[in-house]
Amino acid sequence: MDKAINDRLEDTLSQHDALEDLADQLQPLLKTALERLPAPLLSVMHGETIGHPLHPILIHLPLGGWLIAGILDFVPLPGVEDTDHAADLALLLGTVGAGAAVGTGWADWSNTRGEARRTGLIHGLLNETAFILNGASLVCRARGNRRLGKFLSGSGLLLAAAGGFLGGQLVYRHGLGVGQTLATRQG
């Protein structure tokens, strides 16, 4: 049976020894850092208090804010002359909201293995980069360089979309977090 195109794309991206080596280096460091957190906080980060992972809930704020900012920045709205302030507020809301999504995502990734670990690493790095680009966009906008700000946030939105695709693969292909939290190893 032929694999679906999304599975072939994921395999192409994740089947590299360098990713496995990087994951081998990063995962123990992350686990050590997470062990220093209070147990109740780590439990909340994994979603144990609600019975399923918290990360998928939290991603809606950054993606929504970034998407609205992208629409306001790049889609002409008939009868609306100035959307800059609204775009900046949406971008700020999304970027601030991304902090919790990033933290819970890395906490969950700390318990992955195999191809899901490699795919999760790419997913996380894409979304971290989107977070940084959107933060830089806010700085550029505040300094009056809207053109560069729009370029940075537009680039960040594209990376977040690619990261979201891989996040879907983690859930629907690898079953991460399905029926359980990621407080235990999966993948």
Protein backbone atom coordinates (compact mmCIF):
# COMPACT_ATOMS: atom_id res chain seq x y z
CA MET A 1 0.00 0.00 0.00
CA ASP A 2 1.35 3.41 -0.97
CA LYS A 3 1.83 5.92 1.82
CA ALA A 4 -0.17 9.14 1.80
CA ILE A 5 1.66 12.19 0.54
CA ASN A 6 1.69 13.75 4.00
CA ASP A 7 3.41 10.65 5.43
CA ARG A 8 5.96 10.64 2.60
CA LEU A 9 6.68 14.31 3.21
CA GLU A 10 7.13 13.73 6.93
CA ASP A 11 9.44 10.77 6.25
CA THR A 12 11.52 12.89 3.88
CA LEU A 13 11.90 15.59 6.52
CA SER A 14 12.48 13.39 9.56
CA GLN A 15 14.58 10.45 8.37
CA HIS A 16 18.00 11.97 9.04
CA ASP A 17 20.74 10.86 11.42
CA ALA A 18 21.57 14.50 12.23
CA LEU A 19 18.07 14.97 13.67
CA GLU A 20 18.44 11.87 15.79
CA ASP A 21 21.83 13.11 17.03
CA LEU A 22 20.40 16.54 17.86
CA ALA A 23 17.44 14.97 19.65
CA ASP A 24 19.85 12.74 21.60
CA GLN A 25 21.64 15.87 22.80
CA LEU A 26 18.61 18.08 23.49
CA GLN A 27 16.17 15.68 25.12
CA PRO A 28 18.30 14.88 28.21
CA LEU A 29 19.03 18.60 28.72
CA LEU A 30 15.35 19.40 28.51
CA LYS A 31 14.43 16.57 30.88
CA THR A 32 16.98 17.85 33.40
CA ALA A 33 15.50 21.36 33.18
CA LEU A 34 11.94 20.06 33.53
CA GLU A 35 12.88 17.99 36.59
CA ARG A 36 13.72 21.26 38.35
CA LEU A 37 10.15 22.52 37.99
CA PRO A 38 7.65 21.90 40.79
CA ALA A 39 5.77 18.67 40.16
CA PRO A 40 2.33 20.36 40.13
CA LEU A 41 3.50 22.81 37.44
CA LEU A 42 4.88 20.00 35.29
CA SER A 43 1.62 18.11 35.75
CA VAL A 44 -0.32 21.14 34.48
CA MET A 45 2.09 21.57 31.55
CA HIS A 46 1.46 17.97 30.49
CA GLY A 47 -2.30 18.46 30.88
CA GLU A 48 -2.70 15.81 33.58
CA THR A 49 -5.14 18.04 35.46
CA ILE A 50 -7.52 18.10 32.47
CA GLY A 51 -6.87 14.56 31.25
CA HIS A 52 -5.30 15.37 27.88
CA PRO A 53 -2.36 17.41 26.59
CA LEU A 54 -2.57 21.17 27.18
CA HIS A 55 -0.36 22.13 24.23
CA PRO A 56 -3.03 21.58 21.51
CA ILE A 57 -5.38 23.91 23.39
CA LEU A 58 -2.82 26.66 23.77
CA ILE A 59 -1.75 26.80 20.11
CA HIS A 60 -5.00 28.49 19.12
CA LEU A 61 -4.00 31.83 20.62
CA PRO A 62 -0.72 32.28 18.72
CA LEU A 63 -2.06 30.85 15.47
CA GLY A 64 -5.22 32.93 15.69
CA GLY A 65 -3.37 36.13 16.51
CA TRP A 66 -0.75 35.58 13.83
CA LEU A 67 -3.36 34.66 11.22
CA ILE A 68 -5.49 37.72 11.98
CA ALA A 69 -2.38 39.92 11.81
CA GLY A 70 -1.53 38.35 8.45
CA ILE A 71 -5.01 39.03 7.09
CA LEU A 72 -4.94 42.62 8.33
CA ASP A 73 -1.44 43.13 6.92
CA PHE A 74 -1.85 41.52 3.51
CA VAL A 75 -5.53 41.30 2.52
CA PRO A 76 -7.14 44.55 1.34
CA LEU A 77 -10.38 45.18 3.20
CA PRO A 78 -12.86 47.29 1.21
CA GLY A 79 -13.80 50.47 3.05
CA VAL A 80 -11.12 50.03 5.71
CA GLU A 81 -8.16 52.36 5.37
CA ASP A 82 -5.99 51.70 8.40
CA THR A 83 -5.61 48.24 9.89
CA ASP A 84 -2.07 48.70 11.20
CA HIS A 85 -2.99 49.12 14.86
CA ALA A 86 -5.35 46.12 14.83
CA ALA A 87 -2.71 43.99 13.08
CA ASP A 88 -0.12 45.00 15.67
CA LEU A 89 -2.45 44.12 18.55
CA ALA A 90 -3.32 40.73 17.04
CA LEU A 91 0.36 40.01 16.47
CA LEU A 92 1.18 40.99 20.05
CA LEU A 93 -1.61 38.81 21.45
CA GLY A 94 -0.48 35.84 19.38
CA THR A 95 3.17 36.27 20.26
CA VAL A 96 2.56 36.65 23.99
CA GLY A 97 0.25 33.62 23.87
CA ALA A 98 2.91 31.59 22.11
CA GLY A 99 5.04 31.47 25.27
CA ALA A 100 2.77 28.95 26.99
CA ALA A 101 2.32 26.93 23.78
CA VAL A 102 6.09 26.72 23.34
CA GLY A 103 6.67 25.67 26.95
CA THR A 104 4.02 22.96 26.97
CA GLY A 105 5.12 21.73 23.54
CA TRP A 106 8.72 21.21 24.65
CA ALA A 107 7.54 19.56 27.86
CA ASP A 108 5.52 17.08 25.80
CA TRP A 109 8.38 16.56 23.34
CA SER A 110 10.65 15.53 26.22
CA ASN A 111 8.73 12.23 26.38
CA THR A 112 8.71 11.30 22.70
CA ARG A 113 10.80 8.73 20.85
CA GLY A 114 11.47 7.38 17.37
CA GLU A 115 10.20 9.18 14.29
CA ALA A 116 7.73 11.12 16.42
CA ARG A 117 10.68 12.56 18.37
CA ARG A 118 12.43 13.66 15.18
CA THR A 119 9.24 15.09 13.69
CA GLY A 120 8.46 16.79 16.99
CA LEU A 121 11.89 18.37 17.00
CA ILE A 122 11.32 19.85 13.53
CA HIS A 123 7.81 20.94 14.58
CA GLY A 124 9.19 22.68 17.65
CA LEU A 125 12.07 24.36 15.84
CA LEU A 126 9.76 25.68 13.12
CA ASN A 127 7.37 27.11 15.68
CA GLU A 128 10.19 28.53 17.85
CA THR A 129 11.50 30.29 14.77
CA ALA A 130 8.01 31.62 14.01
CA PHE A 131 7.82 32.90 17.59
CA ILE A 132 11.17 34.69 17.24
CA LEU A 133 10.25 36.16 13.84
CA ASN A 134 6.97 37.49 15.22
CA GLY A 135 8.75 38.98 18.22
CA ALA A 136 11.22 40.67 15.87
CA SER A 137 8.29 41.88 13.78
CA LEU A 138 6.81 43.58 16.83
CA VAL A 139 10.12 45.36 17.45
CA CYS A 140 10.34 46.49 13.80
CA ARG A 141 6.76 47.75 13.85
CA ALA A 142 7.36 49.66 17.08
CA ARG A 143 10.40 51.31 15.47
CA GLY A 144 8.38 52.33 12.42
CA ASN A 145 9.70 49.74 9.98
CA ARG A 146 6.36 48.20 9.00
CA ARG A 147 7.62 46.75 5.74
CA LEU A 148 10.26 44.60 7.48
CA GLY A 149 7.79 43.88 10.29
CA LYS A 150 5.24 42.54 7.82
CA PHE A 151 7.88 40.46 6.06
CA LEU A 152 9.01 38.92 9.37
CA SER A 153 5.51 38.14 10.62
CA GLY A 154 4.44 36.81 7.21
CA SER A 155 7.47 34.51 7.21
CA GLY A 156 6.65 33.47 10.76
CA LEU A 157 3.08 32.64 9.77
CA LEU A 158 4.32 30.40 6.94
CA LEU A 159 6.68 28.58 9.32
CA ALA A 160 3.90 28.17 11.88
CA ALA A 161 1.70 26.63 9.16
CA ALA A 162 4.47 24.14 8.28
CA GLY A 163 4.93 23.43 11.98
CA GLY A 164 1.19 22.92 12.33
CA PHE A 165 1.24 20.35 9.53
CA LEU A 166 3.87 18.39 11.43
CA GLY A 167 1.90 18.80 14.66
CA GLY A 168 -1.04 17.16 12.90
CA GLN A 169 1.24 14.31 11.86
CA LEU A 170 2.29 13.84 15.49
CA VAL A 171 -1.31 13.40 16.56
CA TYR A 172 -2.94 11.68 13.59
CA ARG A 173 -0.08 9.52 12.36
CA HIS A 174 1.82 8.80 15.55
CA GLY A 175 -1.05 9.07 18.03
CA LEU A 176 0.79 11.36 20.44
CA GLY A 177 -1.44 12.48 23.24
CA VAL A 178 -4.43 10.51 21.95
CA GLY A 179 -6.29 9.16 24.95
CA GLN A 180 -3.49 10.11 27.35
CA THR A 181 -1.21 12.92 28.34
CA LEU A 182 2.42 13.08 27.33
CA ALA A 183 3.63 12.69 30.91
CA THR A 184 4.79 9.21 29.86
CA ARG A 185 6.94 8.20 26.87
CA GLN A 186 5.16 7.92 23.53
CA GLY A 187 6.07 7.66 19.90
